[in-house]
N, C-alpha and C. Protein backbone atom coordinates (compact mmCIF):
# COMPACT_ATOMS: atom_id res chain seq x y z
N MET A 1 3.89 6.72 42.65
CA MET A 1 2.59 6.15 42.59
C MET A 1 2.49 5.92 40.91
N LYS A 2 2.75 7.25 40.07
CA LYS A 2 2.30 7.40 38.73
C LYS A 2 3.36 6.52 38.06
N CYS A 3 4.56 6.20 38.63
CA CYS A 3 5.76 5.59 38.08
C CYS A 3 5.10 4.01 38.13
N LYS A 4 4.35 3.59 38.98
CA LYS A 4 4.22 2.02 39.25
C LYS A 4 3.17 2.20 38.00
N VAL A 5 2.21 3.01 37.55
CA VAL A 5 1.00 2.79 36.94
C VAL A 5 1.64 2.77 35.35
N VAL A 6 2.49 3.83 35.41
CA VAL A 6 3.14 3.60 33.81
C VAL A 6 3.99 2.51 33.48
N HIS A 7 4.76 1.80 34.82
CA HIS A 7 5.23 0.56 34.54
C HIS A 7 4.26 -0.51 34.23
N PHE A 8 3.52 -0.51 35.01
CA PHE A 8 2.25 -1.50 34.92
C PHE A 8 1.76 -1.34 33.42
N ILE A 9 1.50 -0.35 32.90
CA ILE A 9 1.01 -0.18 31.47
C ILE A 9 1.77 -0.75 30.57
N TRP A 10 3.14 -0.38 30.96
CA TRP A 10 4.36 -0.60 29.87
C TRP A 10 4.46 -2.29 29.67
N LEU A 11 4.30 -2.90 31.06
CA LEU A 11 4.48 -4.21 30.85
C LEU A 11 3.40 -4.89 30.46
N THR A 12 2.10 -4.46 30.55
CA THR A 12 0.86 -4.99 29.90
C THR A 12 1.13 -4.88 28.37
N LEU A 13 1.37 -3.83 27.89
CA LEU A 13 1.63 -3.68 26.19
C LEU A 13 2.50 -4.44 25.89
N HIS A 14 3.58 -4.60 26.73
CA HIS A 14 4.70 -5.23 26.22
C HIS A 14 4.49 -6.77 25.97
N ASP A 15 3.72 -7.36 27.07
CA ASP A 15 3.25 -8.84 26.68
C ASP A 15 2.15 -8.96 25.59
N PHE A 16 1.35 -7.87 25.85
CA PHE A 16 0.46 -8.03 24.69
C PHE A 16 0.88 -8.16 23.31
N LEU A 17 2.01 -7.22 23.01
CA LEU A 17 2.62 -7.16 21.64
C LEU A 17 3.34 -8.60 21.44
N LEU A 18 4.26 -9.01 22.28
CA LEU A 18 4.75 -10.36 22.33
C LEU A 18 3.80 -11.37 22.25
N LEU A 19 2.55 -11.27 22.55
CA LEU A 19 1.82 -12.59 22.26
C LEU A 19 1.29 -12.31 20.80
N ILE A 20 0.92 -11.18 20.34
CA ILE A 20 0.56 -10.86 19.19
C ILE A 20 1.69 -11.38 18.24
N ARG A 21 2.80 -11.27 18.27
CA ARG A 21 4.13 -11.67 17.31
C ARG A 21 4.07 -12.99 17.57
N CYS A 22 4.12 -13.84 18.62
CA CYS A 22 3.98 -15.29 18.88
C CYS A 22 2.98 -15.77 17.79
N ARG A 23 1.70 -15.46 18.05
CA ARG A 23 0.54 -15.84 17.05
C ARG A 23 0.77 -15.31 15.77
N HIS A 24 1.28 -14.55 15.26
CA HIS A 24 1.56 -14.24 14.00
C HIS A 24 2.60 -15.09 13.45
N GLY A 25 3.39 -15.60 14.25
CA GLY A 25 4.69 -16.43 13.78
C GLY A 25 4.00 -17.79 13.66
N GLU A 26 3.22 -18.09 14.63
CA GLU A 26 2.41 -19.44 14.12
C GLU A 26 1.59 -19.41 12.85
N ILE A 27 0.97 -18.65 12.82
CA ILE A 27 -0.04 -18.49 11.87
C ILE A 27 1.09 -18.47 10.24
N ILE A 28 1.93 -17.88 10.42
CA ILE A 28 3.09 -17.99 9.29
C ILE A 28 3.68 -19.23 9.07
N ARG A 29 4.05 -19.78 10.02
CA ARG A 29 4.85 -20.92 10.17
C ARG A 29 3.53 -21.91 9.69
N GLY A 30 2.42 -21.79 10.08
CA GLY A 30 1.39 -22.82 9.63
C GLY A 30 1.18 -22.85 8.50
N ASN A 31 1.23 -21.51 7.56
CA ASN A 31 0.81 -21.44 6.33
C ASN A 31 2.11 -22.07 5.45
N LEU A 32 3.30 -22.16 5.72
CA LEU A 32 4.36 -22.33 5.27
C LEU A 32 4.64 -23.85 5.31
N ASP A 33 3.62 -24.48 6.25
CA ASP A 33 3.82 -26.02 6.47
C ASP A 33 2.40 -26.60 5.52
N LYS A 34 1.66 -25.82 5.42
CA LYS A 34 0.38 -26.17 4.49
C LYS A 34 1.21 -26.04 2.82
N GLU A 35 2.03 -24.98 2.56
CA GLU A 35 2.54 -25.00 1.43
C GLU A 35 3.32 -25.96 0.87
N LEU A 36 4.10 -26.63 2.05
CA LEU A 36 5.09 -27.41 1.68
C LEU A 36 4.52 -28.81 1.81
N LYS A 37 3.55 -29.13 2.36
CA LYS A 37 2.91 -30.63 2.16
C LYS A 37 2.14 -30.22 0.77
N GLU A 38 1.72 -29.40 0.35
CA GLU A 38 1.04 -29.29 -0.77
C GLU A 38 1.93 -29.71 -1.94
N ARG A 39 3.09 -29.01 -2.05
CA ARG A 39 4.08 -29.27 -3.00
C ARG A 39 4.73 -30.54 -3.03
N GLU A 40 4.82 -31.15 -1.67
CA GLU A 40 5.18 -32.70 -1.68
C GLU A 40 4.22 -33.49 -2.23
N ARG A 41 2.84 -33.17 -1.78
CA ARG A 41 1.96 -34.04 -2.50
C ARG A 41 1.61 -33.77 -4.13
N GLU A 42 1.56 -32.85 -4.66
CA GLU A 42 2.11 -32.54 -5.81
C GLU A 42 2.90 -33.47 -6.66
N ARG A 43 4.22 -33.28 -5.90
CA ARG A 43 5.55 -34.13 -6.28
C ARG A 43 5.46 -35.44 -6.39
N ASP A 44 4.84 -35.80 -5.59
CA ASP A 44 4.26 -37.26 -5.53
C ASP A 44 3.31 -37.78 -6.39
N GLU A 45 2.46 -37.02 -6.91
CA GLU A 45 1.26 -37.09 -7.59
C GLU A 45 2.64 -37.21 -9.21
N ARG A 46 3.21 -36.40 -9.50
CA ARG A 46 3.79 -36.35 -10.57
C ARG A 46 4.85 -38.02 -11.01
N GLU A 47 5.32 -38.07 -9.85
CA GLU A 47 6.36 -39.30 -9.63
C GLU A 47 5.42 -40.54 -10.09
N ARG A 48 4.23 -40.54 -9.46
CA ARG A 48 3.23 -41.61 -9.72
C ARG A 48 2.85 -41.57 -11.35
N GLU A 49 2.69 -40.51 -11.89
CA GLU A 49 2.36 -40.43 -13.24
C GLU A 49 3.42 -41.11 -14.08
N ARG A 50 4.53 -40.70 -13.78
CA ARG A 50 6.02 -40.95 -14.50
C ARG A 50 6.00 -42.53 -14.38
N GLU A 51 5.78 -43.19 -13.27
CA GLU A 51 5.77 -44.23 -13.34
C GLU A 51 4.73 -45.48 -13.60
N ARG A 52 3.58 -44.62 -13.93
CA ARG A 52 2.54 -45.15 -14.82
C ARG A 52 2.96 -45.28 -16.40
N SER A 53 3.47 -43.86 -16.84
CA SER A 53 3.69 -43.81 -17.97
C SER A 53 4.73 -44.59 -18.61
N ALA A 54 5.56 -45.08 -17.66
CA ALA A 54 7.08 -45.70 -18.23
C ALA A 54 6.77 -47.36 -18.40
C-alpha cells in the first residue's frame, strides 16, 4: 500500500513538473516571437525611410 501511495505522489509531481516546463517553454517562445516581430518591424521602417530619402 505504501508503495502505491509513493508511486501516485511521484507521478503527480512528475506531471506537475512537465506542465510547468511546457508553460515556461511557451512563455519563452512567446517572448522570442515578440522580439522577432519587433525587429522585423524596425527593419521595415528603416527600409521605408531609405526609400523616401532616395
